Structure formats: C-alpha cells, structure tokens
Amino acid sequence: MKNKERVSIFVDGGNFYHSTQKRGWKINYRKLINELVRGRNLVGAYYYVAPLDLDTNQERYWKHQRFLDMLKEIPKF
C-alpha cells in the first residue's frame, strides 16, 4: 500500500490579506485548504502575521482576533 503524500501550507497573512483585499476577493479558508490539499494528508496549515496593536485601534484589533479565532476552528489550521 502506497502512503499518501503529505502537505503543509504556510500563508503569509499580511501579504495574502493585502493582495486579496486589493482585488476585492473574499476567501473561504476551508475551501482554499481543501483545494490545496487535493486528497493528500494535511500535516498542518499555518497563517502567520504580526499581531496588531490593541492601543492603536481597538476595533481593528478585535476584528482581527475574531478572524484568527475563525481560522483556529478549521482542523489542523
């Protein structure tokens, strides 16, 4: 029996956010991960980004935290 290929996904959050926002795209991260995995074994998906400063803009900070919490709900993200 042949082992499934394994895949890890790394998303540069800052660059990905700005490039998709510029185009007006809304990303469904669950669908994106499934499309990238395509039947392979997902080791993990990682979204890395610098934390926002709570003191600079509280509304933006909490919106970003809710977004990060949503990503944590995706298995292996």
N, C-alpha and C. Protein backbone atom coordinates (compact mmCIF):
# COMPACT_ATOMS: atom_id res chain seq x y z
N MET A 1 0.85 -1.19 0.00
CA MET A 1 0.00 0.00 0.00
C MET A 1 0.88 1.24 0.00
N LYS A 2 0.63 2.14 -0.91
CA LYS A 2 1.41 3.36 -1.04
C LYS A 2 0.92 4.41 -0.04
N ASN A 3 1.85 5.08 0.62
CA ASN A 3 1.48 6.15 1.56
C ASN A 3 1.02 7.38 0.80
N LYS A 4 0.04 8.08 1.38
CA LYS A 4 -0.43 9.34 0.80
C LYS A 4 0.66 10.40 0.94
N GLU A 5 0.74 11.27 -0.04
CA GLU A 5 1.64 12.41 0.08
C GLU A 5 1.16 13.28 1.24
N ARG A 6 2.10 13.93 1.88
CA ARG A 6 1.77 14.85 2.97
C ARG A 6 2.04 16.27 2.51
N VAL A 7 1.25 17.20 3.03
CA VAL A 7 1.40 18.59 2.64
C VAL A 7 1.24 19.48 3.87
N SER A 8 2.04 20.52 3.92
CA SER A 8 1.89 21.60 4.91
C SER A 8 1.69 22.88 4.13
N ILE A 9 0.84 23.76 4.66
CA ILE A 9 0.52 25.01 3.98
C ILE A 9 0.92 26.16 4.89
N PHE A 10 1.65 27.11 4.32
CA PHE A 10 2.08 28.30 5.06
C PHE A 10 1.56 29.53 4.32
N VAL A 11 0.78 30.35 5.03
CA VAL A 11 0.20 31.54 4.44
C VAL A 11 0.81 32.78 5.10
N ASP A 12 1.44 33.62 4.31
CA ASP A 12 1.95 34.90 4.79
C ASP A 12 0.73 35.82 4.90
N GLY A 13 0.18 35.92 6.10
CA GLY A 13 -1.09 36.60 6.32
C GLY A 13 -1.14 38.03 5.82
N GLY A 14 -0.11 38.81 6.09
CA GLY A 14 -0.11 40.20 5.68
C GLY A 14 -0.16 40.36 4.18
N ASN A 15 0.70 39.67 3.48
CA ASN A 15 0.72 39.76 2.02
C ASN A 15 -0.55 39.19 1.40
N PHE A 16 -1.01 38.06 1.93
CA PHE A 16 -2.22 37.43 1.39
C PHE A 16 -3.42 38.35 1.59
N TYR A 17 -3.55 38.92 2.76
CA TYR A 17 -4.66 39.82 3.06
C TYR A 17 -4.67 41.02 2.10
N HIS A 18 -3.52 41.67 1.96
CA HIS A 18 -3.47 42.88 1.13
C HIS A 18 -3.69 42.57 -0.35
N SER A 19 -3.17 41.46 -0.82
CA SER A 19 -3.36 41.14 -2.24
C SER A 19 -4.80 40.73 -2.54
N THR A 20 -5.47 40.05 -1.62
CA THR A 20 -6.86 39.67 -1.86
C THR A 20 -7.80 40.86 -1.65
N GLN A 21 -7.52 41.71 -0.69
CA GLN A 21 -8.33 42.91 -0.45
C GLN A 21 -8.29 43.85 -1.65
N LYS A 22 -7.10 44.00 -2.23
CA LYS A 22 -6.91 44.88 -3.38
C LYS A 22 -7.80 44.44 -4.55
N ARG A 23 -8.01 43.14 -4.66
CA ARG A 23 -8.83 42.60 -5.75
C ARG A 23 -10.30 42.46 -5.34
N GLY A 24 -10.62 42.73 -4.08
CA GLY A 24 -11.99 42.62 -3.60
C GLY A 24 -12.44 41.18 -3.38
N TRP A 25 -11.51 40.27 -3.20
CA TRP A 25 -11.82 38.85 -3.02
C TRP A 25 -12.15 38.54 -1.57
N LYS A 26 -13.17 37.73 -1.36
CA LYS A 26 -13.48 37.17 -0.04
C LYS A 26 -13.03 35.71 -0.09
N ILE A 27 -12.21 35.33 0.85
CA ILE A 27 -11.63 33.98 0.82
C ILE A 27 -12.34 33.07 1.82
N ASN A 28 -12.74 31.90 1.34
CA ASN A 28 -13.24 30.84 2.20
C ASN A 28 -12.04 29.95 2.49
N TYR A 29 -11.49 30.07 3.69
CA TYR A 29 -10.24 29.38 4.01
C TYR A 29 -10.40 27.87 4.07
N ARG A 30 -11.57 27.38 4.47
CA ARG A 30 -11.80 25.93 4.46
C ARG A 30 -11.71 25.40 3.02
N LYS A 31 -12.36 26.08 2.10
CA LYS A 31 -12.33 25.65 0.70
C LYS A 31 -10.92 25.78 0.13
N LEU A 32 -10.23 26.85 0.48
CA LEU A 32 -8.86 27.03 -0.01
C LEU A 32 -7.96 25.89 0.45
N ILE A 33 -8.04 25.54 1.73
CA ILE A 33 -7.22 24.44 2.26
C ILE A 33 -7.56 23.14 1.53
N ASN A 34 -8.86 22.85 1.39
CA ASN A 34 -9.26 21.61 0.70
C ASN A 34 -8.76 21.58 -0.74
N GLU A 35 -8.81 22.71 -1.40
CA GLU A 35 -8.33 22.78 -2.79
C GLU A 35 -6.82 22.55 -2.87
N LEU A 36 -6.09 23.12 -1.94
CA LEU A 36 -4.63 22.95 -1.94
C LEU A 36 -4.21 21.54 -1.56
N VAL A 37 -4.96 20.92 -0.67
CA VAL A 37 -4.62 19.57 -0.20
C VAL A 37 -4.91 18.52 -1.27
N ARG A 38 -6.06 18.63 -1.92
CA ARG A 38 -6.46 17.72 -3.01
C ARG A 38 -6.20 16.24 -2.71
N GLY A 39 -6.77 15.76 -1.60
CA GLY A 39 -6.69 14.34 -1.28
C GLY A 39 -5.41 13.90 -0.60
N ARG A 40 -4.47 14.78 -0.44
CA ARG A 40 -3.24 14.42 0.27
C ARG A 40 -3.47 14.54 1.77
N ASN A 41 -2.55 14.09 2.56
CA ASN A 41 -2.64 14.15 4.01
C ASN A 41 -2.14 15.51 4.49
N LEU A 42 -3.03 16.31 5.06
CA LEU A 42 -2.64 17.63 5.57
C LEU A 42 -1.93 17.48 6.91
N VAL A 43 -0.68 17.88 6.94
CA VAL A 43 0.10 17.89 8.18
C VAL A 43 -0.35 19.07 9.03
N GLY A 44 -0.46 20.24 8.41
CA GLY A 44 -0.91 21.44 9.10
C GLY A 44 -0.96 22.62 8.15
N ALA A 45 -1.79 23.58 8.51
CA ALA A 45 -1.88 24.83 7.76
C ALA A 45 -1.59 25.96 8.73
N TYR A 46 -0.76 26.88 8.32
CA TYR A 46 -0.28 27.93 9.22
C TYR A 46 -0.46 29.30 8.58
N TYR A 47 -1.04 30.20 9.32
CA TYR A 47 -1.27 31.58 8.88
C TYR A 47 -0.44 32.44 9.81
N TYR A 48 0.62 33.03 9.28
CA TYR A 48 1.48 33.82 10.16
C TYR A 48 1.34 35.29 9.82
N VAL A 49 1.27 36.09 10.89
CA VAL A 49 1.04 37.52 10.75
C VAL A 49 1.52 38.20 12.04
N ALA A 50 1.97 39.44 11.91
CA ALA A 50 2.35 40.21 13.10
C ALA A 50 1.08 40.63 13.83
N PRO A 51 1.10 40.58 15.15
CA PRO A 51 -0.09 40.98 15.90
C PRO A 51 -0.35 42.48 15.77
N LEU A 52 -1.62 42.83 15.77
CA LEU A 52 -1.99 44.25 15.73
C LEU A 52 -1.87 44.83 17.14
N ASP A 53 -1.70 46.13 17.20
CA ASP A 53 -1.56 46.83 18.48
C ASP A 53 -2.94 47.23 18.99
N LEU A 54 -3.32 46.69 20.12
CA LEU A 54 -4.62 46.97 20.72
C LEU A 54 -4.80 48.46 21.00
N ASP A 55 -3.75 49.14 21.43
CA ASP A 55 -3.85 50.55 21.79
C ASP A 55 -4.01 51.47 20.59
N THR A 56 -3.57 51.03 19.42
CA THR A 56 -3.66 51.86 18.22
C THR A 56 -5.08 51.93 17.67
N ASN A 57 -5.74 50.77 17.61
CA ASN A 57 -7.10 50.73 17.06
C ASN A 57 -7.80 49.50 17.63
N GLN A 58 -8.58 49.70 18.69
CA GLN A 58 -9.22 48.58 19.36
C GLN A 58 -10.20 47.84 18.47
N GLU A 59 -10.99 48.55 17.67
CA GLU A 59 -11.97 47.90 16.80
C GLU A 59 -11.27 46.99 15.79
N ARG A 60 -10.23 47.50 15.16
CA ARG A 60 -9.48 46.70 14.18
C ARG A 60 -8.80 45.50 14.85
N TYR A 61 -8.25 45.73 16.03
CA TYR A 61 -7.60 44.65 16.78
C TYR A 61 -8.57 43.51 17.04
N TRP A 62 -9.78 43.82 17.55
CA TRP A 62 -10.74 42.77 17.91
C TRP A 62 -11.32 42.09 16.67
N LYS A 63 -11.47 42.83 15.60
CA LYS A 63 -11.93 42.23 14.35
C LYS A 63 -10.90 41.20 13.87
N HIS A 64 -9.63 41.57 13.97
CA HIS A 64 -8.56 40.67 13.58
C HIS A 64 -8.51 39.44 14.48
N GLN A 65 -8.73 39.62 15.77
CA GLN A 65 -8.74 38.49 16.70
C GLN A 65 -9.89 37.53 16.37
N ARG A 66 -11.05 38.06 16.01
CA ARG A 66 -12.18 37.19 15.63
C ARG A 66 -11.83 36.40 14.37
N PHE A 67 -11.15 37.05 13.43
CA PHE A 67 -10.72 36.36 12.21
C PHE A 67 -9.76 35.22 12.56
N LEU A 68 -8.78 35.49 13.42
CA LEU A 68 -7.83 34.45 13.82
C LEU A 68 -8.52 33.31 14.56
N ASP A 69 -9.49 33.64 15.39
CA ASP A 69 -10.28 32.61 16.10
C ASP A 69 -11.03 31.73 15.10
N MET A 70 -11.55 32.34 14.03
CA MET A 70 -12.25 31.58 12.99
C MET A 70 -11.29 30.59 12.32
N LEU A 71 -10.07 31.03 12.07
CA LEU A 71 -9.09 30.12 11.46
C LEU A 71 -8.78 28.94 12.36
N LYS A 72 -8.75 29.17 13.67
CA LYS A 72 -8.46 28.09 14.63
C LYS A 72 -9.53 27.01 14.61
N GLU A 73 -10.72 27.33 14.12
CA GLU A 73 -11.81 26.35 14.06
C GLU A 73 -11.62 25.36 12.91
N ILE A 74 -10.76 25.69 11.96
CA ILE A 74 -10.50 24.82 10.82
C ILE A 74 -9.52 23.73 11.27
N PRO A 75 -9.88 22.46 11.07
CA PRO A 75 -8.99 21.37 11.51
C PRO A 75 -7.56 21.51 10.95
N LYS A 76 -6.61 21.34 11.83
CA LYS A 76 -5.17 21.38 11.53
C LYS A 76 -4.68 22.76 11.09
N PHE A 77 -5.47 23.80 11.34
CA PHE A 77 -5.05 25.16 10.99
C PHE A 77 -4.46 25.78 12.24
